[in-house]
């Protein structure tokens, strides 16, 4: 499928509009609503057979306005699962590195907490059983809209088909449909929101 320049510009403009709208919606949530949603999403994930069977899970440490994952990471580690966090190389490529504790994380130039790639162990992409995916917005049919750099789309393309991909979001980040470029934008297997 080929998209012309006008079509791509319209898609990009609509994506920018939705990113802005999603941000406004999230900022309208109270601290209590944010915490309740985080806890409800964590419980939903923990109840999934894909989570229970997974030995290696890639998660993320949230940026502002993203669903928190600290409780999920802690519980997964307590149950013996290996946790990977994304490390962003050259501001465009994501690689999974093993998470061994908060004290061993470093803050990237973009303000993201990640394992130190000089001391942490890189985890092969084909070893990932489950990936928890952040996003700026999601659609009811599992499309995802990130922050605009395409890092997660490129990463998700590399995953084996068997790797289960869960998008997590606040309910206000879920739209009926999202604009997408079928040549570039990757879907997740399921979107969990609260």
C-alpha atoms as a PDB file:
ATOM      1  CA  UNK A   1       0.000   0.000   0.000  1.00  0.00           C
ATOM      2  CA  UNK A   2       1.342   3.396  -0.939  1.00  0.00           C
ATOM      3  CA  UNK A   3       0.338   6.670   0.631  1.00  0.00           C
ATOM      4  CA  UNK A   4       0.867   9.965  -1.146  1.00  0.00           C
ATOM      5  CA  UNK A   5       2.423  13.027   0.402  1.00  0.00           C
ATOM      6  CA  UNK A   6      -0.935  14.718   1.053  1.00  0.00           C
ATOM      7  CA  UNK A   7      -2.293  11.620   2.780  1.00  0.00           C
ATOM      8  CA  UNK A   8       0.800  11.332   4.989  1.00  0.00           C
ATOM      9  CA  UNK A   9       0.621  15.030   5.911  1.00  0.00           C
ATOM     10  CA  UNK A  10      -3.049  14.633   6.889  1.00  0.00           C
ATOM     11  CA  UNK A  11      -2.258  11.554   8.975  1.00  0.00           C
ATOM     12  CA  UNK A  12       0.628  13.356  10.711  1.00  0.00           C
ATOM     13  CA  UNK A  13      -1.515  16.439  11.406  1.00  0.00           C
ATOM     14  CA  UNK A  14      -4.289  14.296  12.901  1.00  0.00           C
ATOM     15  CA  UNK A  15      -1.752  12.422  15.036  1.00  0.00           C
ATOM     16  CA  UNK A  16      -0.429  15.721  16.436  1.00  0.00           C
ATOM     17  CA  UNK A  17      -3.990  16.824  17.233  1.00  0.00           C
ATOM     18  CA  UNK A  18      -4.748  13.552  19.052  1.00  0.00           C
ATOM     19  CA  UNK A  19      -1.473  13.684  21.028  1.00  0.00           C
ATOM     20  CA  UNK A  20      -2.429  17.170  22.237  1.00  0.00           C
ATOM     21  CA  UNK A  21      -5.990  16.060  23.062  1.00  0.00           C
ATOM     22  CA  UNK A  22      -4.747  12.991  24.970  1.00  0.00           C
ATOM     23  CA  UNK A  23      -2.390  15.167  27.024  1.00  0.00           C
ATOM     24  CA  UNK A  24      -5.215  17.539  27.972  1.00  0.00           C
ATOM     25  CA  UNK A  25      -7.410  14.616  28.996  1.00  0.00           C
ATOM     26  CA  UNK A  26      -4.700  13.062  31.191  1.00  0.00           C
ATOM     27  CA  UNK A  27      -3.926  16.375  32.885  1.00  0.00           C
ATOM     28  CA  UNK A  28      -7.631  16.562  33.798  1.00  0.00           C
ATOM     29  CA  UNK A  29      -7.381  13.411  35.942  1.00  0.00           C
ATOM     30  CA  UNK A  30      -6.972  13.676  39.708  1.00  0.00           C
ATOM     31  CA  UNK A  31      -4.102  11.983  41.557  1.00  0.00           C
ATOM     32  CA  UNK A  32      -6.625   9.513  42.985  1.00  0.00           C
ATOM     33  CA  UNK A  33      -7.947   8.662  39.501  1.00  0.00           C
ATOM     34  CA  UNK A  34      -4.383   8.139  38.232  1.00  0.00           C
ATOM     35  CA  UNK A  35      -3.509   5.820  41.132  1.00  0.00           C
ATOM     36  CA  UNK A  36      -6.756   3.842  40.912  1.00  0.00           C
ATOM     37  CA  UNK A  37      -6.297   3.343  37.154  1.00  0.00           C
ATOM     38  CA  UNK A  38      -2.690   2.194  37.616  1.00  0.00           C
ATOM     39  CA  UNK A  39      -3.695  -0.358  40.259  1.00  0.00           C
ATOM     40  CA  UNK A  40      -6.649  -1.636  38.224  1.00  0.00           C
ATOM     41  CA  UNK A  41      -4.474  -2.075  35.107  1.00  0.00           C
ATOM     42  CA  UNK A  42      -1.783  -3.881  37.130  1.00  0.00           C
ATOM     43  CA  UNK A  43      -4.395  -6.328  38.460  1.00  0.00           C
ATOM     44  CA  UNK A  44      -5.769  -6.933  34.957  1.00  0.00           C
ATOM     45  CA  UNK A  45      -2.300  -7.676  33.594  1.00  0.00           C
ATOM     46  CA  UNK A  46      -1.474 -10.019  36.482  1.00  0.00           C
ATOM     47  CA  UNK A  47      -4.647 -12.017  35.802  1.00  0.00           C
ATOM     48  CA  UNK A  48      -3.759 -12.652  32.133  1.00  0.00           C
ATOM     49  CA  UNK A  49      -2.454 -16.138  31.266  1.00  0.00           C
ATOM     50  CA  UNK A  50       0.150 -14.464  29.015  1.00  0.00           C
ATOM     51  CA  UNK A  51       1.562 -12.653  32.059  1.00  0.00           C
ATOM     52  CA  UNK A  52       1.421 -15.706  34.290  1.00  0.00           C
ATOM     53  CA  UNK A  53       3.249 -17.889  31.730  1.00  0.00           C
ATOM     54  CA  UNK A  54       5.833 -15.246  30.766  1.00  0.00           C
ATOM     55  CA  UNK A  55       9.390 -15.774  31.974  1.00  0.00           C
ATOM     56  CA  UNK A  56      10.840 -12.593  30.432  1.00  0.00           C
ATOM     57  CA  UNK A  57       8.816  -9.379  30.385  1.00  0.00           C
ATOM     58  CA  UNK A  58       9.778  -6.012  28.972  1.00  0.00           C
ATOM     59  CA  UNK A  59       8.154  -3.092  30.749  1.00  0.00           C
ATOM     60  CA  UNK A  60       9.011   0.607  31.042  1.00  0.00           C
ATOM     61  CA  UNK A  61       9.501   3.279  33.677  1.00  0.00           C
ATOM     62  CA  UNK A  62       6.867   5.930  32.924  1.00  0.00           C
ATOM     63  CA  UNK A  63       7.340   9.422  31.656  1.00  0.00           C
ATOM     64  CA  UNK A  64       4.914  12.003  32.983  1.00  0.00           C
ATOM     65  CA  UNK A  65       1.363  11.287  31.860  1.00  0.00           C
ATOM     66  CA  UNK A  66       2.019   7.545  31.366  1.00  0.00           C
ATOM     67  CA  UNK A  67       0.522   4.724  33.432  1.00  0.00           C
ATOM     68  CA  UNK A  68       2.836   3.793  36.298  1.00  0.00           C
ATOM     69  CA  UNK A  69       4.406   0.334  36.275  1.00  0.00           C
ATOM     70  CA  UNK A  70       6.327   0.117  39.562  1.00  0.00           C
ATOM     71  CA  UNK A  71       3.909  -2.286  41.267  1.00  0.00           C
ATOM     72  CA  UNK A  72       3.748  -4.543  38.234  1.00  0.00           C
ATOM     73  CA  UNK A  73       7.553  -4.659  37.945  1.00  0.00           C
ATOM     74  CA  UNK A  74       7.921  -5.433  41.652  1.00  0.00           C
ATOM     75  CA  UNK A  75       5.358  -8.254  41.595  1.00  0.00           C
ATOM     76  CA  UNK A  76       6.812  -9.763  38.424  1.00  0.00           C
ATOM     77  CA  UNK A  77      10.304  -9.810  39.940  1.00  0.00           C
ATOM     78  CA  UNK A  78       8.986 -11.281  43.211  1.00  0.00           C
ATOM     79  CA  UNK A  79       7.477 -14.149  41.210  1.00  0.00           C
ATOM     80  CA  UNK A  80      10.830 -14.897  39.566  1.00  0.00           C
ATOM     81  CA  UNK A  81      10.273 -13.264  36.189  1.00  0.00           C
ATOM     82  CA  UNK A  82      13.112 -11.485  34.396  1.00  0.00           C
ATOM     83  CA  UNK A  83      12.287  -7.850  33.701  1.00  0.00           C
ATOM     84  CA  UNK A  84      13.756  -5.865  30.854  1.00  0.00           C
ATOM     85  CA  UNK A  85      13.490  -2.121  30.395  1.00  0.00           C
ATOM     86  CA  UNK A  86      14.059  -0.250  27.153  1.00  0.00           C
ATOM     87  CA  UNK A  87      17.316   1.563  26.525  1.00  0.00           C
ATOM     88  CA  UNK A  88      17.124   4.140  23.758  1.00  0.00           C
ATOM     89  CA  UNK A  89      20.191   4.249  21.527  1.00  0.00           C
ATOM     90  CA  UNK A  90      20.863   7.299  19.350  1.00  0.00           C
ATOM     91  CA  UNK A  91      17.334   8.514  20.154  1.00  0.00           C
ATOM     92  CA  UNK A  92      15.860   6.049  17.678  1.00  0.00           C
ATOM     93  CA  UNK A  93      16.563   2.383  18.475  1.00  0.00           C
ATOM     94  CA  UNK A  94      15.186   0.574  21.525  1.00  0.00           C
ATOM     95  CA  UNK A  95      17.071  -2.367  23.000  1.00  0.00           C
ATOM     96  CA  UNK A  96      15.913  -4.371  26.057  1.00  0.00           C
ATOM     97  CA  UNK A  97      18.292  -4.523  29.046  1.00  0.00           C
ATOM     98  CA  UNK A  98      17.771  -6.452  32.251  1.00  0.00           C
ATOM     99  CA  UNK A  99      16.412  -4.523  35.211  1.00  0.00           C
ATOM    100  CA  UNK A 100      18.124  -5.368  38.517  1.00  0.00           C
ATOM    101  CA  UNK A 101      16.792  -2.586  40.732  1.00  0.00           C
ATOM    102  CA  UNK A 102      15.970   1.105  40.816  1.00  0.00           C
ATOM    103  CA  UNK A 103      19.368   2.048  42.236  1.00  0.00           C
ATOM    104  CA  UNK A 104      21.060   0.718  39.080  1.00  0.00           C
ATOM    105  CA  UNK A 105      19.078   2.900  36.662  1.00  0.00           C
ATOM    106  CA  UNK A 106      20.448   5.981  34.955  1.00  0.00           C
ATOM    107  CA  UNK A 107      18.521   8.906  33.536  1.00  0.00           C
ATOM    108  CA  UNK A 108      18.820   9.298  29.770  1.00  0.00           C
ATOM    109  CA  UNK A 109      19.151  12.594  27.932  1.00  0.00           C
ATOM    110  CA  UNK A 110      15.387  12.436  27.372  1.00  0.00           C
ATOM    111  CA  UNK A 111      14.698  12.061  31.104  1.00  0.00           C
ATOM    112  CA  UNK A 112      13.829   8.354  30.892  1.00  0.00           C
ATOM    113  CA  UNK A 113      15.031   5.997  33.648  1.00  0.00           C
ATOM    114  CA  UNK A 114      16.775   3.040  32.027  1.00  0.00           C
ATOM    115  CA  UNK A 115      19.364   0.383  32.818  1.00  0.00           C
ATOM    116  CA  UNK A 116      22.966   1.477  32.303  1.00  0.00           C
ATOM    117  CA  UNK A 117      23.920  -0.192  29.024  1.00  0.00           C
ATOM    118  CA  UNK A 118      27.558  -0.262  30.178  1.00  0.00           C
ATOM    119  CA  UNK A 119      26.814  -2.529  33.134  1.00  0.00           C
ATOM    120  CA  UNK A 120      23.403  -4.145  32.516  1.00  0.00           C
ATOM    121  CA  UNK A 121      22.894  -7.276  30.454  1.00  0.00           C
ATOM    122  CA  UNK A 122      21.209  -6.861  27.065  1.00  0.00           C
ATOM    123  CA  UNK A 123      18.337  -9.288  26.549  1.00  0.00           C
ATOM    124  CA  UNK A 124      17.820 -10.753  23.111  1.00  0.00           C
ATOM    125  CA  UNK A 125      14.555  -9.625  21.542  1.00  0.00           C
ATOM    126  CA  UNK A 126      13.579 -13.211  20.727  1.00  0.00           C
ATOM    127  CA  UNK A 127      13.666 -14.064  24.470  1.00  0.00           C
ATOM    128  CA  UNK A 128      10.852 -11.614  25.293  1.00  0.00           C
ATOM    129  CA  UNK A 129       7.575 -13.370  26.110  1.00  0.00           C
ATOM    130  CA  UNK A 130       5.571 -10.245  26.897  1.00  0.00           C
ATOM    131  CA  UNK A 131       6.027  -6.523  26.255  1.00  0.00           C
ATOM    132  CA  UNK A 132       4.132  -3.801  28.129  1.00  0.00           C
ATOM    133  CA  UNK A 133       3.883  -0.874  25.727  1.00  0.00           C
ATOM    134  CA  UNK A 134       3.289   2.774  26.631  1.00  0.00           C
ATOM    135  CA  UNK A 135       1.549   5.149  24.268  1.00  0.00           C
ATOM    136  CA  UNK A 136       0.102   8.606  23.955  1.00  0.00           C
ATOM    137  CA  UNK A 137      -3.159   7.162  22.649  1.00  0.00           C
ATOM    138  CA  UNK A 138      -4.643   3.817  21.657  1.00  0.00           C
ATOM    139  CA  UNK A 139      -7.682   2.809  19.623  1.00  0.00           C
ATOM    140  CA  UNK A 140     -10.317   0.207  20.403  1.00  0.00           C
ATOM    141  CA  UNK A 141      -8.880  -1.934  17.586  1.00  0.00           C
ATOM    142  CA  UNK A 142      -5.391  -1.944  19.191  1.00  0.00           C
ATOM    143  CA  UNK A 143      -3.664   0.736  17.142  1.00  0.00           C
ATOM    144  CA  UNK A 144      -1.109   2.770  19.067  1.00  0.00           C
ATOM    145  CA  UNK A 145       0.030   6.363  18.833  1.00  0.00           C
ATOM    146  CA  UNK A 146       3.365   7.133  20.466  1.00  0.00           C
ATOM    147  CA  UNK A 147       5.162  10.396  21.003  1.00  0.00           C
ATOM    148  CA  UNK A 148       6.125  10.757  17.359  1.00  0.00           C
ATOM    149  CA  UNK A 149       9.650   9.403  16.956  1.00  0.00           C
ATOM    150  CA  UNK A 150       8.637   5.880  15.850  1.00  0.00           C
ATOM    151  CA  UNK A 151      11.014   4.147  18.312  1.00  0.00           C
ATOM    152  CA  UNK A 152       8.441   1.682  19.623  1.00  0.00           C
ATOM    153  CA  UNK A 153       7.069   0.991  16.132  1.00  0.00           C
ATOM    154  CA  UNK A 154      10.540  -0.013  14.931  1.00  0.00           C
ATOM    155  CA  UNK A 155      11.061  -2.098  18.066  1.00  0.00           C
ATOM    156  CA  UNK A 156       7.691  -3.875  17.838  1.00  0.00           C
ATOM    157  CA  UNK A 157       8.432  -4.865  14.224  1.00  0.00           C
ATOM    158  CA  UNK A 158      11.471  -6.843  15.477  1.00  0.00           C
ATOM    159  CA  UNK A 159       9.534  -8.954  17.980  1.00  0.00           C
ATOM    160  CA  UNK A 160       8.768 -12.591  17.226  1.00  0.00           C
ATOM    161  CA  UNK A 161       5.101 -13.281  16.458  1.00  0.00           C
ATOM    162  CA  UNK A 162       4.763 -15.224  19.734  1.00  0.00           C
ATOM    163  CA  UNK A 163       5.631 -12.184  21.886  1.00  0.00           C
ATOM    164  CA  UNK A 164       2.432 -10.818  23.422  1.00  0.00           C
ATOM    165  CA  UNK A 165       2.145  -7.021  23.293  1.00  0.00           C
ATOM    166  CA  UNK A 166      -0.040  -5.193  25.820  1.00  0.00           C
ATOM    167  CA  UNK A 167      -0.739  -1.485  25.451  1.00  0.00           C
ATOM    168  CA  UNK A 168      -1.698   0.220  28.706  1.00  0.00           C
ATOM    169  CA  UNK A 169      -3.435   3.558  29.051  1.00  0.00           C
ATOM    170  CA  UNK A 170      -5.844   5.636  31.044  1.00  0.00           C
ATOM    171  CA  UNK A 171      -9.405   5.326  29.667  1.00  0.00           C
ATOM    172  CA  UNK A 172      -9.220   8.926  28.436  1.00  0.00           C
ATOM    173  CA  UNK A 173      -6.352   7.917  26.109  1.00  0.00           C
ATOM    174  CA  UNK A 174      -8.466   5.364  24.252  1.00  0.00           C
ATOM    175  CA  UNK A 175     -10.107   6.670  21.081  1.00  0.00           C
ATOM    176  CA  UNK A 176     -12.584   4.922  18.787  1.00  0.00           C
ATOM    177  CA  UNK A 177     -10.088   5.081  15.911  1.00  0.00           C
ATOM    178  CA  UNK A 178      -6.632   6.495  15.282  1.00  0.00           C
ATOM    179  CA  UNK A 179      -4.960   7.624  12.072  1.00  0.00           C
ATOM    180  CA  UNK A 180      -2.181   5.240  11.092  1.00  0.00           C
ATOM    181  CA  UNK A 181       0.359   4.586   8.399  1.00  0.00           C
ATOM    182  CA  UNK A 182       0.105   0.861   7.602  1.00  0.00           C
ATOM    183  CA  UNK A 183       3.714   0.785   6.439  1.00  0.00           C
ATOM    184  CA  UNK A 184       5.111   2.158   9.685  1.00  0.00           C
ATOM    185  CA  UNK A 185       2.700   2.014  12.622  1.00  0.00           C
ATOM    186  CA  UNK A 186       2.508  -1.191  14.672  1.00  0.00           C
ATOM    187  CA  UNK A 187      -0.470  -2.508  16.619  1.00  0.00           C
ATOM    188  CA  UNK A 188      -0.480  -4.222  20.002  1.00  0.00           C
ATOM    189  CA  UNK A 189      -2.341  -7.451  20.776  1.00  0.00           C
ATOM    190  CA  UNK A 190      -4.558  -5.931  23.467  1.00  0.00           C
ATOM    191  CA  UNK A 191      -5.149  -2.548  25.104  1.00  0.00           C
ATOM    192  CA  UNK A 192      -5.903  -2.451  28.824  1.00  0.00           C
ATOM    193  CA  UNK A 193      -7.235   0.784  30.256  1.00  0.00           C
ATOM    194  CA  UNK A 194      -8.885   2.037  33.412  1.00  0.00           C
END
